Amino acid sequence: MSKAMKVEIVQSESKAELDSLINSCIQDRDVEDIKLTAVLLSDNKVQYTALIMLKS
């Protein structure tokens, strides 16, 4: 039997904004794990993404 898990994704072109988005998302929640990625876009901007896994 697999356990249920809720996943939320937040993205930003700013590390500071991403940090704020992550903090607001995980506040008072049971976080299992957070995965972070950074992607260089074609216009030389960086897009930061956080995949936040929450326990159900």
C-alpha atoms as a PDB file:
ATOM      1  CA  MET A   1       0.000   0.000   0.000  1.00  0.00           C
ATOM      2  CA  SER A   2       1.441   3.386  -0.949  1.00  0.00           C
ATOM      3  CA  LYS A   3       1.147   6.382   1.311  1.00  0.00           C
ATOM      4  CA  ALA A   4      -0.499   9.562   0.091  1.00  0.00           C
ATOM      5  CA  MET A   5       1.576  12.688  -0.255  1.00  0.00           C
ATOM      6  CA  LYS A   6       0.648  16.199  -1.299  1.00  0.00           C
ATOM      7  CA  VAL A   7       3.104  18.060  -3.523  1.00  0.00           C
ATOM      8  CA  GLU A   8       3.304  21.814  -4.043  1.00  0.00           C
ATOM      9  CA  ILE A   9       5.532  23.612  -6.542  1.00  0.00           C
ATOM     10  CA  VAL A  10       6.724  27.203  -6.221  1.00  0.00           C
ATOM     11  CA  GLN A  11       8.812  29.062  -8.805  1.00  0.00           C
ATOM     12  CA  SER A  12      10.578  32.392  -8.998  1.00  0.00           C
ATOM     13  CA  GLU A  13      13.377  34.179 -10.821  1.00  0.00           C
ATOM     14  CA  SER A  14      14.648  35.474  -7.457  1.00  0.00           C
ATOM     15  CA  LYS A  15      16.227  33.354  -4.692  1.00  0.00           C
ATOM     16  CA  ALA A  16      14.867  35.710  -2.022  1.00  0.00           C
ATOM     17  CA  GLU A  17      11.328  35.464  -3.402  1.00  0.00           C
ATOM     18  CA  LEU A  18      11.601  31.677  -3.679  1.00  0.00           C
ATOM     19  CA  ASP A  19      12.725  31.515  -0.043  1.00  0.00           C
ATOM     20  CA  SER A  20       9.729  33.597   0.999  1.00  0.00           C
ATOM     21  CA  LEU A  21       7.351  31.433  -1.060  1.00  0.00           C
ATOM     22  CA  ILE A  22       8.782  28.245   0.467  1.00  0.00           C
ATOM     23  CA  ASN A  23       8.471  29.637   3.996  1.00  0.00           C
ATOM     24  CA  SER A  24       4.847  30.668   3.477  1.00  0.00           C
ATOM     25  CA  CYS A  25       4.028  27.290   1.932  1.00  0.00           C
ATOM     26  CA  ILE A  26       5.558  25.153   4.683  1.00  0.00           C
ATOM     27  CA  GLN A  27       4.466  27.220   7.676  1.00  0.00           C
ATOM     28  CA  ASP A  28       2.477  25.033  10.115  1.00  0.00           C
ATOM     29  CA  ARG A  29       2.638  22.030   7.757  1.00  0.00           C
ATOM     30  CA  ASP A  30       4.253  18.611   8.001  1.00  0.00           C
ATOM     31  CA  VAL A  31       7.029  18.710   5.379  1.00  0.00           C
ATOM     32  CA  GLU A  32       8.542  15.420   4.229  1.00  0.00           C
ATOM     33  CA  ASP A  33      11.138  16.791   1.790  1.00  0.00           C
ATOM     34  CA  ILE A  34      12.025  19.760  -0.423  1.00  0.00           C
ATOM     35  CA  LYS A  35      13.806  19.466  -3.772  1.00  0.00           C
ATOM     36  CA  LEU A  36      15.342  22.556  -5.366  1.00  0.00           C
ATOM     37  CA  THR A  37      16.310  23.139  -8.993  1.00  0.00           C
ATOM     38  CA  ALA A  38      17.669  26.059 -10.995  1.00  0.00           C
ATOM     39  CA  VAL A  39      17.221  26.298 -14.765  1.00  0.00           C
ATOM     40  CA  LEU A  40      18.920  28.740 -17.098  1.00  0.00           C
ATOM     41  CA  LEU A  41      16.272  30.085 -19.478  1.00  0.00           C
ATOM     42  CA  SER A  42      16.920  31.102 -23.081  1.00  0.00           C
ATOM     43  CA  ASP A  43      16.978  34.809 -22.155  1.00  0.00           C
ATOM     44  CA  ASN A  44      19.829  34.153 -19.639  1.00  0.00           C
ATOM     45  CA  LYS A  45      17.477  34.430 -16.661  1.00  0.00           C
ATOM     46  CA  VAL A  46      17.509  31.762 -13.969  1.00  0.00           C
ATOM     47  CA  GLN A  47      14.265  30.160 -12.841  1.00  0.00           C
ATOM     48  CA  TYR A  48      14.345  28.606  -9.377  1.00  0.00           C
ATOM     49  CA  THR A  49      11.858  25.871  -8.523  1.00  0.00           C
ATOM     50  CA  ALA A  50      11.033  24.180  -5.235  1.00  0.00           C
ATOM     51  CA  LEU A  51       9.116  20.909  -5.111  1.00  0.00           C
ATOM     52  CA  ILE A  52       7.679  20.652  -1.602  1.00  0.00           C
ATOM     53  CA  MET A  53       6.465  17.245  -0.447  1.00  0.00           C
ATOM     54  CA  LEU A  54       3.993  17.382   2.424  1.00  0.00           C
ATOM     55  CA  LYS A  55       2.801  14.450   4.518  1.00  0.00           C
ATOM     56  CA  SER A  56      -0.951  13.915   4.283  1.00  0.00           C
END
